[in-house]
N, C-alpha and C. Protein backbone atom coordinates (compact mmCIF):
# COMPACT_ATOMS: atom_id res chain seq x y z
N MET A 1 75.67 106.52 91.24
CA MET A 1 75.96 107.84 91.90
C MET A 1 75.71 108.88 90.90
N PRO A 2 74.67 109.72 91.04
CA PRO A 2 74.36 110.65 89.94
C PRO A 2 75.32 111.89 90.20
N ASP A 3 75.84 112.32 88.95
CA ASP A 3 76.56 113.53 88.87
C ASP A 3 75.59 114.69 89.21
N GLY A 4 76.09 115.77 89.64
CA GLY A 4 75.29 116.86 90.05
C GLY A 4 74.72 116.84 91.30
N ARG A 5 74.84 115.74 92.05
CA ARG A 5 74.09 115.55 93.46
C ARG A 5 75.14 115.29 94.44
N PHE A 6 76.34 115.68 94.24
CA PHE A 6 77.43 115.32 95.27
C PHE A 6 77.18 116.12 96.52
N GLU A 7 76.50 117.11 96.51
CA GLU A 7 76.32 118.01 97.85
C GLU A 7 75.12 117.46 98.63
N PHE A 8 74.32 116.63 98.09
CA PHE A 8 73.19 116.08 98.76
C PHE A 8 73.56 115.47 100.22
N LYS A 9 72.77 116.01 101.15
CA LYS A 9 72.89 115.48 102.59
C LYS A 9 71.51 115.13 103.01
N PRO A 10 71.27 113.92 103.59
CA PRO A 10 69.94 113.69 104.13
C PRO A 10 69.67 114.43 105.44
N HIS A 11 70.66 115.01 106.10
CA HIS A 11 70.56 115.68 107.40
C HIS A 11 71.77 116.65 107.44
N PRO A 12 71.57 117.72 108.09
CA PRO A 12 72.67 118.73 108.14
C PRO A 12 73.95 118.25 108.75
N THR A 13 73.93 117.22 109.69
CA THR A 13 75.13 116.73 110.31
C THR A 13 75.63 115.50 109.49
N SER A 14 75.04 115.11 108.40
CA SER A 14 75.59 114.02 107.55
C SER A 14 76.61 114.38 106.70
N ARG A 15 77.42 113.47 106.17
CA ARG A 15 78.38 113.66 105.09
C ARG A 15 77.55 113.96 103.89
N SER A 16 78.10 114.54 102.92
CA SER A 16 77.46 114.77 101.56
C SER A 16 77.62 113.40 100.85
N LEU A 17 76.75 113.39 99.87
CA LEU A 17 76.98 112.09 99.00
C LEU A 17 78.32 112.08 98.34
N GLY A 18 78.92 113.16 97.94
CA GLY A 18 80.25 113.10 97.48
C GLY A 18 81.27 112.80 98.51
N GLN A 19 81.17 113.26 99.71
CA GLN A 19 82.19 112.93 100.78
C GLN A 19 81.99 111.48 101.15
N LEU A 20 80.77 110.91 101.18
CA LEU A 20 80.58 109.52 101.42
C LEU A 20 81.14 108.65 100.36
N ALA A 21 80.96 108.99 99.12
CA ALA A 21 81.39 108.22 98.01
C ALA A 21 83.00 108.24 98.06
N GLU A 22 83.63 109.39 98.34
CA GLU A 22 85.02 109.55 98.32
C GLU A 22 85.55 108.68 99.50
N HIS A 23 84.98 108.66 100.68
CA HIS A 23 85.26 107.90 101.83
C HIS A 23 85.27 106.35 101.45
N LEU A 24 84.25 105.92 100.71
CA LEU A 24 84.12 104.54 100.46
C LEU A 24 85.22 104.20 99.41
N THR A 25 85.42 104.99 98.49
CA THR A 25 86.46 104.83 97.42
C THR A 25 87.87 104.63 97.95
N GLU A 26 88.14 105.40 99.10
CA GLU A 26 89.59 105.36 99.53
C GLU A 26 89.68 104.31 100.56
N MET A 27 88.65 103.67 101.07
CA MET A 27 88.95 102.59 102.03
C MET A 27 89.74 101.45 101.66
N PRO A 28 89.80 101.01 100.52
CA PRO A 28 90.80 100.05 100.18
C PRO A 28 92.23 100.39 100.48
N LEU A 29 92.56 101.71 100.48
CA LEU A 29 93.83 102.13 100.89
C LEU A 29 94.11 101.92 102.37
N TRP A 30 92.99 101.77 103.17
CA TRP A 30 93.19 101.39 104.63
C TRP A 30 93.83 99.91 104.64
N ALA A 31 93.34 99.02 103.78
CA ALA A 31 93.96 97.70 103.70
C ALA A 31 95.45 97.77 103.25
N THR A 32 95.73 98.64 102.33
CA THR A 32 97.20 98.85 101.95
C THR A 32 97.98 99.32 103.08
N THR A 33 97.47 100.21 103.90
CA THR A 33 98.14 100.87 105.07
C THR A 33 98.29 99.69 106.10
N ALA A 34 97.27 98.97 106.44
CA ALA A 34 97.35 97.98 107.47
C ALA A 34 98.27 96.78 107.04
N LEU A 35 98.39 96.48 105.69
CA LEU A 35 99.23 95.37 105.29
C LEU A 35 100.71 95.81 104.96
N THR A 36 100.99 97.04 104.84
CA THR A 36 102.36 97.51 104.56
C THR A 36 103.04 98.34 105.65
N GLN A 37 102.22 98.71 106.62
CA GLN A 37 102.76 99.56 107.72
C GLN A 37 102.42 98.88 109.06
N SER A 38 103.08 99.34 110.14
CA SER A 38 102.72 98.85 111.51
C SER A 38 101.77 99.71 112.25
N SER A 39 101.45 100.92 111.81
CA SER A 39 100.53 101.76 112.28
C SER A 39 100.04 102.88 111.44
N LEU A 40 99.13 103.57 111.88
CA LEU A 40 98.60 104.75 111.21
C LEU A 40 98.20 105.88 112.16
N GLU A 41 98.57 107.13 111.81
CA GLU A 41 98.28 108.25 112.60
C GLU A 41 96.99 108.89 111.93
N ALA A 42 95.94 108.68 112.69
CA ALA A 42 94.51 109.17 112.21
C ALA A 42 94.54 110.70 111.86
N THR A 43 95.29 111.44 112.56
CA THR A 43 95.19 112.90 112.28
C THR A 43 96.07 113.42 111.16
N THR A 44 96.56 112.61 110.32
CA THR A 44 97.37 112.90 109.05
C THR A 44 96.39 113.70 108.12
N GLN A 45 96.88 114.79 107.72
CA GLN A 45 96.07 115.70 106.76
C GLN A 45 96.37 115.52 105.24
N ARG A 46 95.36 115.80 104.50
CA ARG A 46 95.57 115.72 103.08
C ARG A 46 96.54 116.79 102.54
N PRO A 47 97.21 116.64 101.43
CA PRO A 47 97.99 117.67 100.95
C PRO A 47 97.21 118.90 100.63
N ALA A 48 97.79 120.16 100.65
CA ALA A 48 97.00 121.37 100.53
C ALA A 48 96.49 121.45 99.19
N ASP A 49 97.00 120.76 98.18
CA ASP A 49 96.60 120.93 96.75
C ASP A 49 95.54 119.80 96.42
N TYR A 50 95.12 118.87 97.31
CA TYR A 50 94.25 117.94 97.14
C TYR A 50 92.96 118.37 96.60
N LYS A 51 92.32 117.71 95.68
CA LYS A 51 91.03 118.08 95.17
C LYS A 51 90.14 116.86 95.16
N PRO A 52 89.02 116.79 95.91
CA PRO A 52 88.21 115.68 95.89
C PRO A 52 87.54 115.37 94.57
N PRO A 53 87.19 114.15 94.23
CA PRO A 53 86.64 113.81 93.06
C PRO A 53 85.27 114.47 92.93
N ALA A 54 85.11 115.11 91.76
CA ALA A 54 83.85 115.92 91.42
C ALA A 54 82.78 115.35 90.54
N THR A 55 83.19 114.16 89.94
CA THR A 55 82.26 113.51 88.94
C THR A 55 82.24 111.98 89.34
N ARG A 56 81.22 111.38 88.84
CA ARG A 56 81.14 109.95 89.04
C ARG A 56 82.23 109.24 88.37
N ALA A 57 82.70 109.76 87.24
CA ALA A 57 83.88 109.14 86.48
C ALA A 57 85.10 109.24 87.40
N GLN A 58 85.24 110.35 88.13
CA GLN A 58 86.46 110.61 88.90
C GLN A 58 86.55 109.63 90.14
N VAL A 59 85.26 109.45 90.65
CA VAL A 59 85.12 108.61 91.79
C VAL A 59 85.48 107.26 91.40
N LEU A 60 84.98 106.72 90.23
CA LEU A 60 85.26 105.35 89.81
C LEU A 60 86.79 105.21 89.48
N ALA A 61 87.47 106.22 88.88
CA ALA A 61 88.80 106.07 88.64
C ALA A 61 89.68 106.05 89.91
N LEU A 62 89.29 106.76 90.86
CA LEU A 62 89.91 106.77 92.20
C LEU A 62 89.82 105.48 92.76
N PHE A 63 88.63 104.91 92.85
CA PHE A 63 88.35 103.48 93.28
C PHE A 63 89.11 102.59 92.65
N ASP A 64 89.15 102.57 91.28
CA ASP A 64 89.96 101.56 90.69
C ASP A 64 91.42 101.59 91.03
N GLY A 65 91.98 102.78 91.19
CA GLY A 65 93.42 102.95 91.57
C GLY A 65 93.64 102.44 93.08
N CYS A 66 92.77 102.78 93.94
CA CYS A 66 92.77 102.35 95.33
C CYS A 66 92.74 100.80 95.41
N HIS A 67 91.69 100.27 94.71
CA HIS A 67 91.52 98.87 94.73
C HIS A 67 92.73 98.08 94.30
N LYS A 68 93.25 98.58 93.10
CA LYS A 68 94.46 97.94 92.49
C LYS A 68 95.67 97.93 93.49
N THR A 69 95.87 99.06 94.15
CA THR A 69 96.99 99.16 95.07
C THR A 69 96.71 98.20 96.31
N ALA A 70 95.57 98.18 96.82
CA ALA A 70 95.22 97.22 97.87
C ALA A 70 95.43 95.74 97.62
N ARG A 71 94.97 95.49 96.34
CA ARG A 71 95.04 94.09 95.94
C ARG A 71 96.58 93.67 95.82
N ALA A 72 97.32 94.54 95.37
CA ALA A 72 98.74 94.24 95.26
C ALA A 72 99.40 94.13 96.53
N ALA A 73 99.05 94.87 97.47
CA ALA A 73 99.47 94.65 98.90
C ALA A 73 99.05 93.45 99.59
N LEU A 74 97.86 92.84 99.09
CA LEU A 74 97.17 91.66 99.80
C LEU A 74 97.91 90.40 99.20
N VAL A 75 98.17 90.37 97.81
CA VAL A 75 98.74 89.11 97.19
C VAL A 75 99.90 88.60 98.05
N ASN A 76 99.88 87.37 98.16
CA ASN A 76 101.08 86.56 98.70
C ASN A 76 101.43 86.88 100.20
N LYS A 77 100.52 87.56 100.92
CA LYS A 77 100.66 87.79 102.39
C LYS A 77 100.61 86.48 103.12
N THR A 78 101.48 86.20 104.10
CA THR A 78 101.50 85.03 104.86
C THR A 78 100.74 85.16 106.11
N ASP A 79 100.48 83.92 106.84
CA ASP A 79 99.75 83.93 107.96
C ASP A 79 100.58 84.77 109.08
N SER A 80 101.87 84.64 109.08
CA SER A 80 102.63 85.47 110.07
C SER A 80 102.45 86.99 109.88
N GLU A 81 102.36 87.30 108.59
CA GLU A 81 102.31 88.80 108.28
C GLU A 81 100.82 89.24 108.86
N PHE A 82 99.85 88.44 108.57
CA PHE A 82 98.52 88.80 109.07
C PHE A 82 98.36 88.74 110.56
N ALA A 83 99.24 88.04 111.26
CA ALA A 83 99.24 87.90 112.66
C ALA A 83 99.97 89.15 113.21
N ALA A 84 100.80 89.80 112.63
CA ALA A 84 101.49 90.88 113.06
C ALA A 84 100.67 92.04 113.67
N PRO A 85 100.96 92.68 114.73
CA PRO A 85 100.20 93.78 115.32
C PRO A 85 100.23 94.96 114.31
N TRP A 86 99.14 95.67 114.57
CA TRP A 86 98.94 96.95 113.72
C TRP A 86 98.24 97.88 114.78
N THR A 87 98.65 99.27 114.85
CA THR A 87 98.12 100.14 115.77
C THR A 87 97.68 101.42 115.03
N LEU A 88 96.35 101.83 115.49
CA LEU A 88 95.76 103.08 115.13
C LEU A 88 96.15 104.01 116.11
N LYS A 89 96.63 105.23 115.79
CA LYS A 89 96.90 106.25 116.69
C LYS A 89 96.09 107.56 116.28
N ASN A 90 95.87 108.29 117.35
CA ASN A 90 95.16 109.71 117.09
C ASN A 90 95.95 110.69 118.02
N ALA A 91 96.64 111.59 117.27
CA ALA A 91 97.34 112.63 118.01
C ALA A 91 98.44 111.97 118.82
N GLY A 92 99.06 110.89 118.23
CA GLY A 92 100.17 110.16 118.85
C GLY A 92 99.71 109.23 119.97
N LYS A 93 98.49 109.19 120.38
CA LYS A 93 98.00 108.25 121.36
C LYS A 93 97.45 107.01 120.76
N GLU A 94 97.58 105.90 121.41
CA GLU A 94 97.15 104.64 120.71
C GLU A 94 95.67 104.48 120.94
N VAL A 95 94.96 104.26 119.86
CA VAL A 95 93.56 104.01 119.84
C VAL A 95 93.17 102.58 120.11
N PHE A 96 93.88 101.68 119.37
CA PHE A 96 93.89 100.27 119.56
C PHE A 96 95.02 99.62 118.73
N THR A 97 95.32 98.51 119.16
CA THR A 97 96.31 97.62 118.58
C THR A 97 95.69 96.26 118.39
N MET A 98 95.70 95.61 117.27
CA MET A 98 95.18 94.25 117.04
C MET A 98 96.02 93.60 115.81
N PRO A 99 95.86 92.33 115.67
CA PRO A 99 96.51 91.60 114.54
C PRO A 99 95.96 92.22 113.21
N LYS A 100 96.83 92.24 112.23
CA LYS A 100 96.40 92.82 110.94
C LYS A 100 95.19 91.97 110.37
N SER A 101 95.04 90.73 110.63
CA SER A 101 93.86 90.09 110.13
C SER A 101 92.61 90.63 110.73
N SER A 102 92.67 90.89 111.99
CA SER A 102 91.55 91.60 112.66
C SER A 102 91.25 93.00 112.11
N VAL A 103 92.23 93.68 111.83
CA VAL A 103 92.25 95.03 111.26
C VAL A 103 91.48 94.97 109.94
N MET A 104 91.91 93.97 109.15
CA MET A 104 91.30 93.80 107.79
C MET A 104 89.78 93.51 107.92
N ARG A 105 89.44 92.63 108.84
CA ARG A 105 87.94 92.38 109.07
C ARG A 105 87.15 93.45 109.66
N ASN A 106 87.71 93.98 110.83
CA ASN A 106 86.91 94.91 111.68
C ASN A 106 87.06 96.38 111.25
N PHE A 107 88.31 96.80 110.87
CA PHE A 107 88.44 98.17 110.65
C PHE A 107 88.31 98.45 109.14
N VAL A 108 88.51 97.61 108.24
CA VAL A 108 88.45 97.79 106.81
C VAL A 108 87.08 97.25 106.31
N LEU A 109 86.87 95.98 106.32
CA LEU A 109 85.74 95.38 105.69
C LEU A 109 84.35 95.74 106.32
N ASN A 110 84.36 95.65 107.73
CA ASN A 110 83.15 96.10 108.36
C ASN A 110 82.84 97.60 108.11
N HIS A 111 83.89 98.43 108.19
CA HIS A 111 83.66 99.83 107.92
C HIS A 111 83.18 100.10 106.46
N ILE A 112 83.60 99.39 105.56
CA ILE A 112 83.04 99.54 104.11
C ILE A 112 81.67 99.08 104.08
N ILE A 113 81.36 97.91 104.71
CA ILE A 113 79.94 97.48 104.76
C ILE A 113 79.04 98.51 105.31
N HIS A 114 79.47 99.07 106.51
CA HIS A 114 78.60 100.11 107.17
C HIS A 114 78.36 101.30 106.26
N HIS A 115 79.34 101.81 105.61
CA HIS A 115 79.20 103.04 104.70
C HIS A 115 78.46 102.75 103.45
N ARG A 116 78.62 101.45 102.97
CA ARG A 116 77.95 101.01 101.85
C ARG A 116 76.37 101.07 102.11
N GLY A 117 76.03 100.66 103.25
CA GLY A 117 74.65 100.69 103.65
C GLY A 117 74.12 102.19 103.68
N GLN A 118 74.89 103.07 104.22
CA GLN A 118 74.45 104.56 104.23
C GLN A 118 74.36 104.91 102.73
N PHE A 119 75.31 104.64 101.93
CA PHE A 119 75.24 105.06 100.51
C PHE A 119 73.95 104.65 99.88
N VAL A 120 73.55 103.33 100.23
CA VAL A 120 72.37 102.89 99.57
C VAL A 120 71.12 103.70 99.98
N VAL A 121 71.15 104.07 101.27
CA VAL A 121 70.04 104.94 101.72
C VAL A 121 69.99 106.27 100.98
N TYR A 122 71.15 106.88 100.89
CA TYR A 122 71.32 108.08 100.08
C TYR A 122 70.73 107.93 98.71
N LEU A 123 71.09 106.84 98.01
CA LEU A 123 70.57 106.68 96.68
C LEU A 123 69.13 106.44 96.62
N ARG A 124 68.61 105.75 97.61
CA ARG A 124 67.16 105.52 97.66
C ARG A 124 66.41 106.91 97.92
N MET A 125 67.05 107.77 98.73
CA MET A 125 66.31 109.09 98.93
C MET A 125 66.45 110.01 97.70
N LEU A 126 67.35 109.78 96.85
CA LEU A 126 67.54 110.55 95.61
C LEU A 126 66.75 109.88 94.47
N GLY A 127 66.06 108.80 94.72
CA GLY A 127 65.26 108.08 93.63
C GLY A 127 66.08 107.36 92.73
N VAL A 128 67.32 107.10 93.04
CA VAL A 128 68.18 106.21 92.14
C VAL A 128 67.91 104.73 92.35
N PRO A 129 67.67 103.97 91.44
CA PRO A 129 67.50 102.56 91.65
C PRO A 129 68.66 101.95 92.28
N VAL A 130 68.36 101.10 93.35
CA VAL A 130 69.46 100.52 94.22
C VAL A 130 69.80 99.07 93.65
N PRO A 131 71.15 98.88 93.37
CA PRO A 131 71.64 97.64 92.88
C PRO A 131 71.55 96.52 93.89
N SER A 132 71.61 95.39 93.37
CA SER A 132 71.67 94.08 94.20
C SER A 132 72.84 94.13 95.09
N ILE A 133 72.72 93.78 96.32
CA ILE A 133 73.87 93.57 97.21
C ILE A 133 73.96 92.13 97.68
N TYR A 134 72.91 91.66 98.41
CA TYR A 134 72.91 90.30 98.76
C TYR A 134 71.83 89.47 98.26
N GLY A 135 71.31 89.92 97.01
CA GLY A 135 70.18 89.41 96.36
C GLY A 135 69.50 90.62 95.65
N PRO A 136 68.42 90.36 94.86
CA PRO A 136 67.73 91.35 94.22
C PRO A 136 67.21 92.53 95.17
N SER A 137 67.37 93.75 94.70
CA SER A 137 66.90 94.87 95.46
C SER A 137 65.41 94.97 95.14
N GLY A 138 64.83 95.92 95.88
CA GLY A 138 63.38 96.22 95.61
C GLY A 138 63.24 96.85 94.23
N ASP A 139 64.26 97.30 93.58
CA ASP A 139 64.18 97.87 92.29
C ASP A 139 64.38 96.78 91.10
N GLU A 140 64.58 95.56 91.46
CA GLU A 140 64.94 94.53 90.50
C GLU A 140 63.84 93.46 90.65
N GLN A 141 63.62 92.94 89.39
CA GLN A 141 62.64 91.73 89.35
C GLN A 141 63.29 90.41 89.86
N MET A 142 62.57 89.59 90.57
CA MET A 142 63.01 88.35 91.04
C MET A 142 63.34 87.37 89.86
């Protein structure tokens, strides 16, 4: 992720590169929330003094912290804890309820995979070599 390109958008309705990176970086916290709480209110706002990461180093530091927190929440979870229901709410109304194991797969991991794909397209459009994901990319030698 190149510094100085955080405002790049492939289309006016798209998130910026910085917004997408921040979103991906914070997704491990969704795992923490799913594993430690019974629900999430989607309309929760950030604190007024929140400042989004503005450099690649800040994005990486934020990711490291979110990942560490999520991993700690995941360790030693039991099958019964994963079977417990979890609910996403929007403005107090239930969007869905499903077992925490399904939340981890569908709401957390699949969402990360989706946005990682978007992020790779952004990098390609910026001329940044794309790293290996499921094998060598077009920018790597076999």
